[in-house]
Amino acid sequence: MANPTNPLTLAHWRRSVAEIYSAVRWTPLGKQPRIWKQFRAVRDDLFANHPDSPLSTEQRAQFTGLNYYPYDPSWRVLGDVEPAVERDTFAVDLPVDGPLHYMRVAWICFMLQGQAATLSLFWIEGYGGGLFLPFGDATGGETTYGGGRYLYDTIKGADLGSVGGQLVLDFNYAYNPSCAYNDRWVCPLTPRENRLPWSVEAGEQTPTLEC
């Protein structure tokens, strides 16, 4: 894996992301709308001002904030973890870092908006590793990024946690991969098995930025 341009600033970015996710995990349900606003404010500040922002210099000049659906508590559910799955491995070739491999390690089964659904949970292989949960839905290519969005990427601090052995799936915190903002990034996109057939009108929407 390639070394970052500035390891200290990248470490600060990841620390900042991890801290706001920690705040989300420790906030009671009744106060989640307030911490969600704080979550958005922290991300907007990082995107606008941090040296490791995924935005280009030109994009930062026009940046006024990331786009989200309104907060809706009904998009937060708990998912049962089923670890008895075929541990297939997927790969994406990152031009700078080389091949990235991630392996299916469980199914997450849940009810959302009255519909039963299952998503595959992946483990990013490599030193340390981390949980990875991408998903797509019927809003993709319309109001959200066509390549899908992420709920978990624990290597980078995006971790909504678990409750009583069930995984927290709060789609209000769904966010775009870096490649949604401009083509200098190559990201793992959502595999077919994690594409939901209905709309998830929660979380981050398509950015309104010129690449």
N, C-alpha and C. Protein backbone atom coordinates (compact mmCIF):
# COMPACT_ATOMS: atom_id res chain seq x y z
N MET A 1 0.84 -1.18 0.00
CA MET A 1 0.00 0.00 0.00
C MET A 1 0.88 1.24 0.00
N ALA A 2 0.53 2.23 -0.83
CA ALA A 2 1.34 3.43 -0.95
C ALA A 2 1.27 4.27 0.32
N ASN A 3 2.39 4.96 0.61
CA ASN A 3 2.41 5.84 1.76
C ASN A 3 1.64 7.12 1.44
N PRO A 4 0.93 7.69 2.44
CA PRO A 4 0.21 8.95 2.21
C PRO A 4 1.19 10.10 2.05
N THR A 5 0.73 11.18 1.41
CA THR A 5 1.58 12.35 1.23
C THR A 5 2.02 12.90 2.57
N ASN A 6 1.08 13.00 3.50
CA ASN A 6 1.39 13.48 4.86
C ASN A 6 0.71 12.55 5.86
N PRO A 7 1.44 11.61 6.43
CA PRO A 7 0.83 10.66 7.36
C PRO A 7 0.15 11.32 8.56
N LEU A 8 0.70 12.45 9.03
CA LEU A 8 0.13 13.10 10.21
C LEU A 8 -1.23 13.71 9.92
N THR A 9 -1.39 14.36 8.77
CA THR A 9 -2.69 14.94 8.45
C THR A 9 -3.73 13.85 8.16
N LEU A 10 -3.29 12.76 7.52
CA LEU A 10 -4.22 11.66 7.26
C LEU A 10 -4.65 11.03 8.57
N ALA A 11 -3.72 10.87 9.51
CA ALA A 11 -4.08 10.33 10.83
C ALA A 11 -5.08 11.25 11.52
N HIS A 12 -4.91 12.55 11.38
CA HIS A 12 -5.85 13.50 11.98
C HIS A 12 -7.23 13.36 11.35
N TRP A 13 -7.29 13.20 10.03
CA TRP A 13 -8.58 13.01 9.35
C TRP A 13 -9.29 11.77 9.91
N ARG A 14 -8.58 10.67 9.99
CA ARG A 14 -9.20 9.43 10.47
C ARG A 14 -9.60 9.54 11.93
N ARG A 15 -8.79 10.23 12.72
CA ARG A 15 -9.13 10.44 14.13
C ARG A 15 -10.41 11.29 14.25
N SER A 16 -10.53 12.29 13.42
CA SER A 16 -11.71 13.15 13.46
C SER A 16 -12.97 12.37 13.08
N VAL A 17 -12.85 11.52 12.06
CA VAL A 17 -13.98 10.70 11.65
C VAL A 17 -14.35 9.72 12.76
N ALA A 18 -13.34 9.06 13.33
CA ALA A 18 -13.59 8.09 14.40
C ALA A 18 -14.26 8.75 15.60
N GLU A 19 -13.87 9.97 15.93
CA GLU A 19 -14.44 10.66 17.09
C GLU A 19 -15.92 10.98 16.89
N ILE A 20 -16.30 11.41 15.70
CA ILE A 20 -17.71 11.75 15.50
C ILE A 20 -18.56 10.49 15.45
N TYR A 21 -18.03 9.38 14.92
CA TYR A 21 -18.77 8.12 14.96
C TYR A 21 -18.90 7.61 16.39
N SER A 22 -17.86 7.80 17.19
CA SER A 22 -17.95 7.43 18.60
C SER A 22 -19.06 8.21 19.29
N ALA A 23 -19.17 9.50 18.98
CA ALA A 23 -20.23 10.32 19.55
C ALA A 23 -21.61 9.81 19.13
N VAL A 24 -21.73 9.38 17.88
CA VAL A 24 -23.00 8.82 17.40
C VAL A 24 -23.35 7.56 18.19
N ARG A 25 -22.38 6.68 18.38
CA ARG A 25 -22.65 5.42 19.08
C ARG A 25 -23.08 5.65 20.53
N TRP A 26 -22.55 6.68 21.18
CA TRP A 26 -22.83 6.91 22.59
C TRP A 26 -24.03 7.83 22.83
N THR A 27 -24.64 8.34 21.77
CA THR A 27 -25.77 9.25 21.92
C THR A 27 -27.08 8.47 22.00
N PRO A 28 -27.92 8.73 23.00
CA PRO A 28 -29.22 8.03 23.10
C PRO A 28 -30.09 8.29 21.87
N LEU A 29 -31.02 7.36 21.63
CA LEU A 29 -31.87 7.47 20.44
C LEU A 29 -32.60 8.80 20.37
N GLY A 30 -33.09 9.27 21.50
CA GLY A 30 -33.88 10.50 21.49
C GLY A 30 -33.08 11.73 21.09
N LYS A 31 -31.76 11.65 21.20
CA LYS A 31 -30.90 12.78 20.86
C LYS A 31 -30.16 12.57 19.55
N GLN A 32 -30.52 11.52 18.81
CA GLN A 32 -29.84 11.25 17.55
C GLN A 32 -30.00 12.36 16.51
N PRO A 33 -31.18 13.01 16.40
CA PRO A 33 -31.26 14.10 15.41
C PRO A 33 -30.22 15.20 15.65
N ARG A 34 -29.93 15.49 16.93
CA ARG A 34 -28.94 16.53 17.23
C ARG A 34 -27.53 16.08 16.87
N ILE A 35 -27.18 14.82 17.22
CA ILE A 35 -25.83 14.36 16.90
C ILE A 35 -25.67 14.18 15.39
N TRP A 36 -26.76 13.87 14.68
CA TRP A 36 -26.70 13.78 13.22
C TRP A 36 -26.34 15.13 12.62
N LYS A 37 -26.89 16.21 13.15
CA LYS A 37 -26.54 17.55 12.68
C LYS A 37 -25.06 17.85 12.96
N GLN A 38 -24.58 17.41 14.11
CA GLN A 38 -23.18 17.60 14.44
C GLN A 38 -22.30 16.78 13.51
N PHE A 39 -22.71 15.54 13.23
CA PHE A 39 -22.01 14.67 12.28
C PHE A 39 -21.86 15.37 10.93
N ARG A 40 -22.94 15.95 10.44
CA ARG A 40 -22.90 16.66 9.16
C ARG A 40 -21.96 17.86 9.22
N ALA A 41 -22.02 18.61 10.32
CA ALA A 41 -21.18 19.79 10.44
C ALA A 41 -19.70 19.43 10.44
N VAL A 42 -19.34 18.35 11.15
CA VAL A 42 -17.94 17.91 11.18
C VAL A 42 -17.49 17.49 9.78
N ARG A 43 -18.31 16.71 9.09
CA ARG A 43 -17.93 16.27 7.74
C ARG A 43 -17.80 17.46 6.80
N ASP A 44 -18.73 18.42 6.88
CA ASP A 44 -18.63 19.59 6.01
C ASP A 44 -17.33 20.36 6.27
N ASP A 45 -16.96 20.49 7.54
CA ASP A 45 -15.73 21.20 7.87
C ASP A 45 -14.50 20.45 7.35
N LEU A 46 -14.49 19.13 7.50
CA LEU A 46 -13.37 18.34 6.98
C LEU A 46 -13.27 18.48 5.47
N PHE A 47 -14.40 18.37 4.78
CA PHE A 47 -14.38 18.46 3.32
C PHE A 47 -13.93 19.85 2.85
N ALA A 48 -14.31 20.89 3.59
CA ALA A 48 -14.00 22.25 3.16
C ALA A 48 -12.57 22.66 3.49
N ASN A 49 -12.04 22.17 4.62
CA ASN A 49 -10.81 22.75 5.14
C ASN A 49 -9.65 21.79 5.37
N HIS A 50 -9.90 20.51 5.39
CA HIS A 50 -8.82 19.58 5.74
C HIS A 50 -7.93 19.28 4.54
N PRO A 51 -6.61 19.19 4.74
CA PRO A 51 -5.72 18.90 3.61
C PRO A 51 -5.96 17.54 2.96
N ASP A 52 -6.61 16.60 3.66
CA ASP A 52 -6.90 15.30 3.08
C ASP A 52 -8.34 15.17 2.60
N SER A 53 -9.00 16.30 2.39
CA SER A 53 -10.35 16.28 1.82
C SER A 53 -10.34 15.58 0.47
N PRO A 54 -11.39 14.80 0.15
CA PRO A 54 -11.45 14.20 -1.19
C PRO A 54 -11.75 15.21 -2.29
N LEU A 55 -12.09 16.44 -1.92
CA LEU A 55 -12.40 17.47 -2.91
C LEU A 55 -11.12 18.10 -3.46
N SER A 56 -11.17 18.47 -4.72
CA SER A 56 -10.06 19.21 -5.32
C SER A 56 -10.09 20.66 -4.83
N THR A 57 -9.01 21.37 -5.08
CA THR A 57 -8.94 22.79 -4.70
C THR A 57 -10.06 23.58 -5.35
N GLU A 58 -10.34 23.28 -6.61
CA GLU A 58 -11.41 23.98 -7.32
C GLU A 58 -12.78 23.67 -6.71
N GLN A 59 -12.99 22.42 -6.32
CA GLN A 59 -14.27 22.05 -5.72
C GLN A 59 -14.45 22.71 -4.35
N ARG A 60 -13.38 22.82 -3.60
CA ARG A 60 -13.50 23.46 -2.28
C ARG A 60 -13.93 24.91 -2.41
N ALA A 61 -13.51 25.56 -3.48
CA ALA A 61 -13.85 26.97 -3.68
C ALA A 61 -15.35 27.17 -3.85
N GLN A 62 -16.06 26.16 -4.35
CA GLN A 62 -17.50 26.27 -4.57
C GLN A 62 -18.31 25.48 -3.54
N PHE A 63 -17.63 24.82 -2.60
CA PHE A 63 -18.30 23.93 -1.66
C PHE A 63 -19.12 24.70 -0.63
N THR A 64 -20.37 24.29 -0.46
CA THR A 64 -21.26 24.90 0.55
C THR A 64 -21.86 23.86 1.48
N GLY A 65 -21.44 22.61 1.36
CA GLY A 65 -21.95 21.56 2.23
C GLY A 65 -22.41 20.35 1.43
N LEU A 66 -22.35 19.18 2.08
CA LEU A 66 -22.80 17.94 1.45
C LEU A 66 -24.32 17.85 1.49
N ASN A 67 -24.88 17.16 0.52
CA ASN A 67 -26.33 17.03 0.40
C ASN A 67 -26.82 15.77 1.10
N TYR A 68 -27.90 15.91 1.88
CA TYR A 68 -28.48 14.78 2.60
C TYR A 68 -30.01 14.80 2.47
N TYR A 69 -30.60 13.62 2.58
CA TYR A 69 -32.03 13.53 2.84
C TYR A 69 -32.28 14.03 4.27
N PRO A 70 -33.50 14.48 4.57
CA PRO A 70 -33.81 14.86 5.95
C PRO A 70 -33.67 13.67 6.89
N TYR A 71 -33.31 13.96 8.13
CA TYR A 71 -33.18 12.89 9.13
C TYR A 71 -34.53 12.25 9.38
N ASP A 72 -34.54 10.91 9.44
CA ASP A 72 -35.77 10.16 9.69
C ASP A 72 -35.41 8.94 10.54
N PRO A 73 -35.88 8.89 11.81
CA PRO A 73 -35.49 7.78 12.69
C PRO A 73 -35.95 6.42 12.22
N SER A 74 -36.92 6.36 11.31
CA SER A 74 -37.40 5.06 10.83
C SER A 74 -36.36 4.35 9.96
N TRP A 75 -35.31 5.07 9.53
CA TRP A 75 -34.27 4.45 8.73
C TRP A 75 -33.16 3.85 9.58
N ARG A 76 -33.36 3.81 10.90
CA ARG A 76 -32.39 3.16 11.78
C ARG A 76 -32.97 1.84 12.26
N VAL A 77 -32.27 0.73 11.98
CA VAL A 77 -32.72 -0.60 12.38
C VAL A 77 -31.53 -1.39 12.90
N LEU A 78 -31.82 -2.53 13.50
CA LEU A 78 -30.78 -3.47 13.92
C LEU A 78 -30.81 -4.69 13.02
N GLY A 79 -29.65 -5.19 12.66
CA GLY A 79 -29.56 -6.34 11.78
C GLY A 79 -28.98 -7.55 12.47
N ASP A 80 -29.59 -8.71 12.23
CA ASP A 80 -29.05 -9.98 12.76
C ASP A 80 -27.84 -10.40 11.92
N VAL A 81 -26.81 -10.85 12.60
CA VAL A 81 -25.58 -11.26 11.93
C VAL A 81 -25.58 -12.77 11.75
N GLU A 82 -25.51 -13.21 10.48
CA GLU A 82 -25.45 -14.63 10.16
C GLU A 82 -24.08 -14.93 9.57
N PRO A 83 -23.19 -15.55 10.37
CA PRO A 83 -21.82 -15.76 9.90
C PRO A 83 -21.62 -16.98 8.99
N ALA A 84 -22.64 -17.84 8.86
CA ALA A 84 -22.48 -19.06 8.06
C ALA A 84 -22.68 -18.75 6.58
N VAL A 85 -21.66 -18.16 5.96
CA VAL A 85 -21.73 -17.75 4.56
C VAL A 85 -20.52 -18.29 3.81
N GLU A 86 -20.63 -18.33 2.49
CA GLU A 86 -19.47 -18.65 1.66
C GLU A 86 -18.53 -17.45 1.67
N ARG A 87 -17.30 -17.68 2.04
CA ARG A 87 -16.36 -16.57 2.21
C ARG A 87 -15.66 -16.24 0.90
N ASP A 88 -16.45 -15.77 -0.05
CA ASP A 88 -15.89 -15.36 -1.34
C ASP A 88 -15.10 -14.06 -1.17
N THR A 89 -14.06 -13.90 -1.97
CA THR A 89 -13.23 -12.71 -1.93
C THR A 89 -13.42 -11.89 -3.20
N PHE A 90 -13.56 -10.59 -3.03
CA PHE A 90 -13.70 -9.65 -4.13
C PHE A 90 -12.42 -8.82 -4.21
N ALA A 91 -12.17 -8.23 -5.36
CA ALA A 91 -10.95 -7.44 -5.53
C ALA A 91 -11.24 -6.22 -6.39
N VAL A 92 -10.57 -5.13 -6.06
CA VAL A 92 -10.61 -3.93 -6.90
C VAL A 92 -9.18 -3.43 -7.01
N ASP A 93 -8.79 -3.01 -8.21
CA ASP A 93 -7.43 -2.56 -8.44
C ASP A 93 -7.36 -1.05 -8.23
N LEU A 94 -6.66 -0.64 -7.18
CA LEU A 94 -6.48 0.78 -6.88
C LEU A 94 -5.17 1.24 -7.52
N PRO A 95 -5.22 2.23 -8.41
CA PRO A 95 -4.02 2.60 -9.17
C PRO A 95 -2.81 2.93 -8.30
N VAL A 96 -3.02 3.55 -7.15
CA VAL A 96 -1.91 3.94 -6.29
C VAL A 96 -1.53 2.81 -5.34
N ASP A 97 -2.54 2.20 -4.71
CA ASP A 97 -2.30 1.23 -3.65
C ASP A 97 -2.16 -0.20 -4.15
N GLY A 98 -2.59 -0.47 -5.39
CA GLY A 98 -2.58 -1.84 -5.88
C GLY A 98 -3.88 -2.55 -5.55
N PRO A 99 -3.94 -3.88 -5.67
CA PRO A 99 -5.19 -4.62 -5.46
C PRO A 99 -5.67 -4.52 -4.01
N LEU A 100 -6.96 -4.27 -3.86
CA LEU A 100 -7.61 -4.30 -2.55
C LEU A 100 -8.56 -5.49 -2.53
N HIS A 101 -8.43 -6.36 -1.53
CA HIS A 101 -9.28 -7.54 -1.42
C HIS A 101 -10.20 -7.41 -0.22
N TYR A 102 -11.45 -7.78 -0.42
CA TYR A 102 -12.38 -7.82 0.70
C TYR A 102 -13.23 -9.08 0.59
N MET A 103 -13.44 -9.73 1.74
CA MET A 103 -14.05 -11.05 1.79
C MET A 103 -15.40 -10.99 2.52
N ARG A 104 -16.39 -11.67 1.97
CA ARG A 104 -17.69 -11.78 2.63
C ARG A 104 -17.53 -12.60 3.91
N VAL A 105 -17.97 -12.04 5.04
CA VAL A 105 -17.81 -12.75 6.31
C VAL A 105 -19.15 -13.00 7.02
N ALA A 106 -20.22 -12.37 6.56
CA ALA A 106 -21.52 -12.57 7.21
C ALA A 106 -22.62 -11.98 6.34
N TRP A 107 -23.84 -12.41 6.61
CA TRP A 107 -25.02 -11.73 6.10
C TRP A 107 -25.65 -10.94 7.23
N ILE A 108 -26.16 -9.77 6.91
CA ILE A 108 -26.90 -8.96 7.87
C ILE A 108 -28.35 -8.95 7.43
N CYS A 109 -29.21 -9.54 8.25
CA CYS A 109 -30.64 -9.70 7.92
C CYS A 109 -31.44 -8.72 8.77
N PHE A 110 -32.36 -8.00 8.14
CA PHE A 110 -33.08 -6.95 8.85
C PHE A 110 -34.40 -6.62 8.14
N MET A 111 -35.25 -5.88 8.85
CA MET A 111 -36.48 -5.34 8.30
C MET A 111 -36.32 -3.83 8.19
N LEU A 112 -36.66 -3.28 7.04
CA LEU A 112 -36.52 -1.84 6.82
C LEU A 112 -37.73 -1.34 6.06
N GLN A 113 -38.42 -0.37 6.67
CA GLN A 113 -39.62 0.20 6.04
C GLN A 113 -40.62 -0.90 5.66
N GLY A 114 -40.73 -1.91 6.53
CA GLY A 114 -41.69 -2.99 6.31
C GLY A 114 -41.26 -4.05 5.32
N GLN A 115 -40.01 -4.01 4.88
CA GLN A 115 -39.52 -4.98 3.89
C GLN A 115 -38.31 -5.72 4.46
N ALA A 116 -38.29 -7.03 4.19
CA ALA A 116 -37.15 -7.85 4.63
C ALA A 116 -35.99 -7.67 3.65
N ALA A 117 -34.78 -7.61 4.21
CA ALA A 117 -33.60 -7.41 3.36
C ALA A 117 -32.40 -8.12 3.96
N THR A 118 -31.43 -8.38 3.10
CA THR A 118 -30.16 -8.98 3.52
C THR A 118 -29.02 -8.27 2.79
N LEU A 119 -27.99 -7.91 3.53
CA LEU A 119 -26.78 -7.34 2.95
C LEU A 119 -25.59 -8.19 3.37
N SER A 120 -24.63 -8.32 2.51
CA SER A 120 -23.39 -9.01 2.85
C SER A 120 -22.45 -8.05 3.57
N LEU A 121 -21.86 -8.54 4.65
CA LEU A 121 -20.85 -7.79 5.38
C LEU A 121 -19.48 -8.33 4.98
N PHE A 122 -18.55 -7.43 4.71
CA PHE A 122 -17.24 -7.82 4.21
C PHE A 122 -16.14 -7.44 5.20
N TRP A 123 -15.01 -8.15 5.06
CA TRP A 123 -13.81 -7.83 5.82
C TRP A 123 -12.72 -7.43 4.84
N ILE A 124 -12.21 -6.20 4.99
CA ILE A 124 -11.13 -5.75 4.12
C ILE A 124 -9.84 -6.44 4.56
N GLU A 125 -9.25 -7.17 3.63
CA GLU A 125 -8.05 -7.93 3.95
C GLU A 125 -6.82 -7.04 3.92
N GLY A 126 -5.78 -7.47 4.61
CA GLY A 126 -4.57 -6.68 4.72
C GLY A 126 -4.26 -6.45 6.18
N TYR A 127 -3.20 -5.74 6.44
CA TYR A 127 -2.74 -5.56 7.82
C TYR A 127 -3.83 -4.88 8.66
N GLY A 128 -4.24 -5.53 9.75
CA GLY A 128 -5.27 -4.95 10.62
C GLY A 128 -6.68 -5.27 10.17
N GLY A 129 -6.96 -5.07 8.89
CA GLY A 129 -8.28 -5.35 8.35
C GLY A 129 -9.35 -4.43 8.90
N GLY A 130 -10.59 -4.66 8.46
CA GLY A 130 -11.70 -3.85 8.94
C GLY A 130 -13.00 -4.26 8.29
N LEU A 131 -14.12 -3.98 8.97
CA LEU A 131 -15.44 -4.27 8.43
C LEU A 131 -15.80 -3.26 7.34
N PHE A 132 -16.52 -3.76 6.34
CA PHE A 132 -16.89 -2.93 5.19
C PHE A 132 -18.30 -3.31 4.77
N LEU A 133 -19.20 -2.32 4.73
CA LEU A 133 -20.58 -2.59 4.35
C LEU A 133 -21.06 -1.54 3.35
N PRO A 134 -20.93 -1.85 2.06
CA PRO A 134 -21.47 -0.99 1.02
C PRO A 134 -22.89 -1.44 0.66
N PHE A 135 -23.67 -0.54 0.11
CA PHE A 135 -24.99 -0.93 -0.38
C PHE A 135 -25.40 0.01 -1.51
N GLY A 136 -26.29 -0.50 -2.34
CA GLY A 136 -26.93 0.32 -3.36
C GLY A 136 -28.43 0.18 -3.23
N ASP A 137 -29.16 1.06 -3.89
CA ASP A 137 -30.62 1.00 -3.83
C ASP A 137 -31.19 1.71 -5.05
N ALA A 138 -32.50 1.80 -5.12
CA ALA A 138 -33.16 2.32 -6.32
C ALA A 138 -32.96 3.82 -6.52
N THR A 139 -32.40 4.53 -5.53
CA THR A 139 -32.11 5.95 -5.74
C THR A 139 -30.80 6.14 -6.50
N GLY A 140 -29.99 5.07 -6.64
CA GLY A 140 -28.68 5.18 -7.28
C GLY A 140 -28.78 5.67 -8.71
N GLY A 141 -28.00 6.68 -9.04
CA GLY A 141 -28.04 7.28 -10.37
C GLY A 141 -29.12 8.33 -10.52
N GLU A 142 -29.96 8.46 -9.50
CA GLU A 142 -31.01 9.48 -9.51
C GLU A 142 -30.66 10.55 -8.48
N THR A 143 -30.97 10.29 -7.23
CA THR A 143 -30.66 11.25 -6.17
C THR A 143 -29.43 10.88 -5.36
N THR A 144 -28.90 9.66 -5.57
CA THR A 144 -27.68 9.25 -4.88
C THR A 144 -26.67 8.72 -5.89
N TYR A 145 -25.45 8.54 -5.43
CA TYR A 145 -24.36 8.11 -6.30
C TYR A 145 -24.65 6.72 -6.87
N GLY A 146 -24.48 6.56 -8.17
CA GLY A 146 -24.82 5.32 -8.84
C GLY A 146 -23.99 4.14 -8.44
N GLY A 147 -22.77 4.37 -7.94
CA GLY A 147 -21.90 3.28 -7.53
C GLY A 147 -22.19 2.74 -6.15
N GLY A 148 -23.18 3.33 -5.45
CA GLY A 148 -23.54 2.87 -4.12
C GLY A 148 -22.95 3.75 -3.03
N ARG A 149 -23.37 3.47 -1.81
CA ARG A 149 -22.91 4.22 -0.64
C ARG A 149 -22.39 3.25 0.41
N TYR A 150 -21.76 3.79 1.46
CA TYR A 150 -21.20 2.97 2.53
C TYR A 150 -21.94 3.24 3.85
N LEU A 151 -22.07 2.18 4.66
CA LEU A 151 -22.51 2.33 6.04
C LEU A 151 -21.36 2.11 7.02
N TYR A 152 -20.47 1.17 6.69
CA TYR A 152 -19.33 0.85 7.55
C TYR A 152 -18.06 0.82 6.71
N ASP A 153 -17.00 1.38 7.26
CA ASP A 153 -15.63 1.17 6.78
C ASP A 153 -14.75 1.43 7.99
N THR A 154 -14.60 0.41 8.83
CA THR A 154 -13.99 0.62 10.14
C THR A 154 -12.50 0.95 10.06
N ILE A 155 -11.84 0.62 8.96
CA ILE A 155 -10.45 1.03 8.80
C ILE A 155 -10.34 2.55 8.87
N LYS A 156 -11.36 3.23 8.33
CA LYS A 156 -11.34 4.69 8.28
C LYS A 156 -12.20 5.32 9.37
N GLY A 157 -12.61 4.52 10.35
CA GLY A 157 -13.32 5.08 11.50
C GLY A 157 -14.82 5.10 11.37
N ALA A 158 -15.37 4.71 10.23
CA ALA A 158 -16.83 4.73 10.03
C ALA A 158 -17.43 3.47 10.65
N ASP A 159 -17.92 3.60 11.89
CA ASP A 159 -18.35 2.44 12.67
C ASP A 159 -19.55 2.84 13.51
N LEU A 160 -20.75 2.35 13.12
CA LEU A 160 -21.98 2.68 13.84
C LEU A 160 -22.21 1.77 15.04
N GLY A 161 -21.44 0.70 15.17
CA GLY A 161 -21.50 -0.15 16.36
C GLY A 161 -22.55 -1.24 16.29
N SER A 162 -22.77 -1.86 17.46
CA SER A 162 -23.72 -2.95 17.57
C SER A 162 -24.45 -2.84 18.90
N VAL A 163 -25.60 -3.52 18.97
CA VAL A 163 -26.43 -3.54 20.18
C VAL A 163 -26.85 -4.98 20.42
N GLY A 164 -26.41 -5.57 21.53
CA GLY A 164 -26.81 -6.93 21.85
C GLY A 164 -26.48 -7.95 20.78
N GLY A 165 -25.35 -7.77 20.11
CA GLY A 165 -24.94 -8.70 19.06
C GLY A 165 -25.53 -8.40 17.70
N GLN A 166 -26.43 -7.42 17.61
CA GLN A 166 -26.99 -7.00 16.32
C GLN A 166 -26.25 -5.77 15.82
N LEU A 167 -26.08 -5.68 14.51
CA LEU A 167 -25.36 -4.56 13.92
C LEU A 167 -26.31 -3.39 13.71
N VAL A 168 -25.86 -2.19 14.08
CA VAL A 168 -26.65 -0.99 13.87
C VAL A 168 -26.58 -0.60 12.40
N LEU A 169 -27.73 -0.48 11.77
CA LEU A 169 -27.84 -0.03 10.39
C LEU A 169 -28.65 1.27 10.39
N ASP A 170 -27.97 2.39 10.46
CA ASP A 170 -28.66 3.68 10.45
C ASP A 170 -28.34 4.35 9.12
N PHE A 171 -29.30 4.27 8.21
CA PHE A 171 -29.08 4.76 6.86
C PHE A 171 -29.04 6.29 6.79
N ASN A 172 -29.41 6.96 7.88
CA ASN A 172 -29.22 8.41 7.93
C ASN A 172 -27.75 8.79 7.82
N TYR A 173 -26.86 7.85 8.17
CA TYR A 173 -25.42 8.09 8.13
C TYR A 173 -24.76 7.49 6.90
N ALA A 174 -25.54 6.99 5.95
CA ALA A 174 -24.96 6.47 4.71
C ALA A 174 -24.18 7.59 4.01
N TYR A 175 -23.01 7.25 3.50
CA TYR A 175 -22.16 8.29 2.90
C TYR A 175 -21.54 7.80 1.60
N ASN A 176 -21.10 8.74 0.80
CA ASN A 176 -20.54 8.44 -0.51
C ASN A 176 -19.08 8.01 -0.42
N PRO A 177 -18.65 7.09 -1.29
CA PRO A 177 -17.22 6.84 -1.44
C PRO A 177 -16.56 8.06 -2.07
N SER A 178 -15.26 8.17 -1.90
CA SER A 178 -14.55 9.35 -2.41
C SER A 178 -14.70 9.54 -3.92
N CYS A 179 -14.84 8.42 -4.65
CA CYS A 179 -14.93 8.53 -6.11
C CYS A 179 -16.23 9.18 -6.57
N ALA A 180 -17.18 9.42 -5.65
CA ALA A 180 -18.40 10.13 -6.02
C ALA A 180 -18.13 11.61 -6.28
N TYR A 181 -17.01 12.13 -5.76
CA TYR A 181 -16.76 13.57 -5.82
C TYR A 181 -15.92 13.98 -7.03
N ASN A 182 -14.94 13.16 -7.38
CA ASN A 182 -14.18 13.43 -8.60
C ASN A 182 -13.40 12.18 -9.00
N ASP A 183 -12.91 12.18 -10.23
CA ASP A 183 -12.35 10.95 -10.79
C ASP A 183 -10.88 10.73 -10.44
N ARG A 184 -10.33 11.49 -9.50
CA ARG A 184 -8.98 11.19 -9.05
C ARG A 184 -8.96 9.99 -8.12
N TRP A 185 -10.16 9.56 -7.64
CA TRP A 185 -10.27 8.46 -6.71
C TRP A 185 -10.83 7.22 -7.39
N VAL A 186 -10.34 6.06 -6.97
CA VAL A 186 -10.92 4.77 -7.37
C VAL A 186 -11.31 4.05 -6.09
N CYS A 187 -12.57 3.62 -5.99
CA CYS A 187 -13.08 3.06 -4.74
C CYS A 187 -13.74 1.70 -4.98
N PRO A 188 -13.81 0.87 -3.96
CA PRO A 188 -14.63 -0.35 -4.07
C PRO A 188 -16.10 0.03 -4.19
N LEU A 189 -16.74 -0.40 -5.25
CA LEU A 189 -18.16 -0.10 -5.44
C LEU A 189 -19.01 -1.24 -4.89
N THR A 190 -20.30 -1.01 -4.81
CA THR A 190 -21.20 -1.99 -4.22
C THR A 190 -21.37 -3.20 -5.13
N PRO A 191 -21.09 -4.41 -4.63
CA PRO A 191 -21.33 -5.60 -5.46
C PRO A 191 -22.82 -5.83 -5.67
N ARG A 192 -23.15 -6.57 -6.70
CA ARG A 192 -24.55 -6.79 -7.07
C ARG A 192 -25.39 -7.33 -5.91
N GLU A 193 -24.80 -8.21 -5.10
CA GLU A 193 -25.57 -8.84 -4.03
C GLU A 193 -26.01 -7.86 -2.95
N ASN A 194 -25.42 -6.67 -2.91
CA ASN A 194 -25.78 -5.67 -1.90
C ASN A 194 -26.60 -4.52 -2.47
N ARG A 195 -27.26 -4.78 -3.60
CA ARG A 195 -28.11 -3.75 -4.18
C ARG A 195 -29.57 -4.05 -3.83
N LEU A 196 -30.15 -3.15 -3.03
CA LEU A 196 -31.54 -3.30 -2.61
C LEU A 196 -32.46 -2.86 -3.74
N PRO A 197 -33.59 -3.55 -3.93
CA PRO A 197 -34.46 -3.25 -5.06
C PRO A 197 -35.37 -2.05 -4.85
N TRP A 198 -35.33 -1.44 -3.67
CA TRP A 198 -36.21 -0.31 -3.39
C TRP A 198 -35.38 0.88 -2.94
N SER A 199 -36.03 2.03 -2.80
CA SER A 199 -35.33 3.28 -2.52
C SER A 199 -35.02 3.44 -1.04
N VAL A 200 -33.80 3.86 -0.75
CA VAL A 200 -33.41 4.23 0.61
C VAL A 200 -33.23 5.75 0.62
N GLU A 201 -34.29 6.45 1.01
CA GLU A 201 -34.28 7.91 0.97
C GLU A 201 -33.78 8.44 2.31
N ALA A 202 -32.51 8.15 2.58
CA ALA A 202 -31.85 8.55 3.81
C ALA A 202 -30.36 8.66 3.52
N GLY A 203 -29.67 9.48 4.31
CA GLY A 203 -28.24 9.60 4.15
C GLY A 203 -27.82 10.59 3.08
N GLU A 204 -26.55 10.48 2.68
CA GLU A 204 -25.97 11.44 1.75
C GLU A 204 -26.49 11.24 0.34
N GLN A 205 -26.71 12.36 -0.35
CA GLN A 205 -27.18 12.34 -1.72
C GLN A 205 -26.04 12.65 -2.69
N THR A 206 -26.36 12.71 -3.97
CA THR A 206 -25.37 13.02 -4.99
C THR A 206 -24.78 14.40 -4.76
N PRO A 207 -23.47 14.55 -4.80
CA PRO A 207 -22.88 15.88 -4.61
C PRO A 207 -23.21 16.80 -5.78
N THR A 208 -23.39 18.07 -5.49
CA THR A 208 -23.64 19.06 -6.54
C THR A 208 -22.38 19.90 -6.73
N LEU A 209 -21.34 19.22 -7.16
CA LEU A 209 -20.04 19.87 -7.37
C LEU A 209 -19.56 19.54 -8.77
N GLU A 210 -18.96 20.49 -9.40
CA GLU A 210 -18.32 20.24 -10.68
C GLU A 210 -16.97 19.60 -10.45
N CYS A 211 -16.70 18.51 -11.18
CA CYS A 211 -15.43 17.81 -11.00
C CYS A 211 -14.26 18.63 -11.54
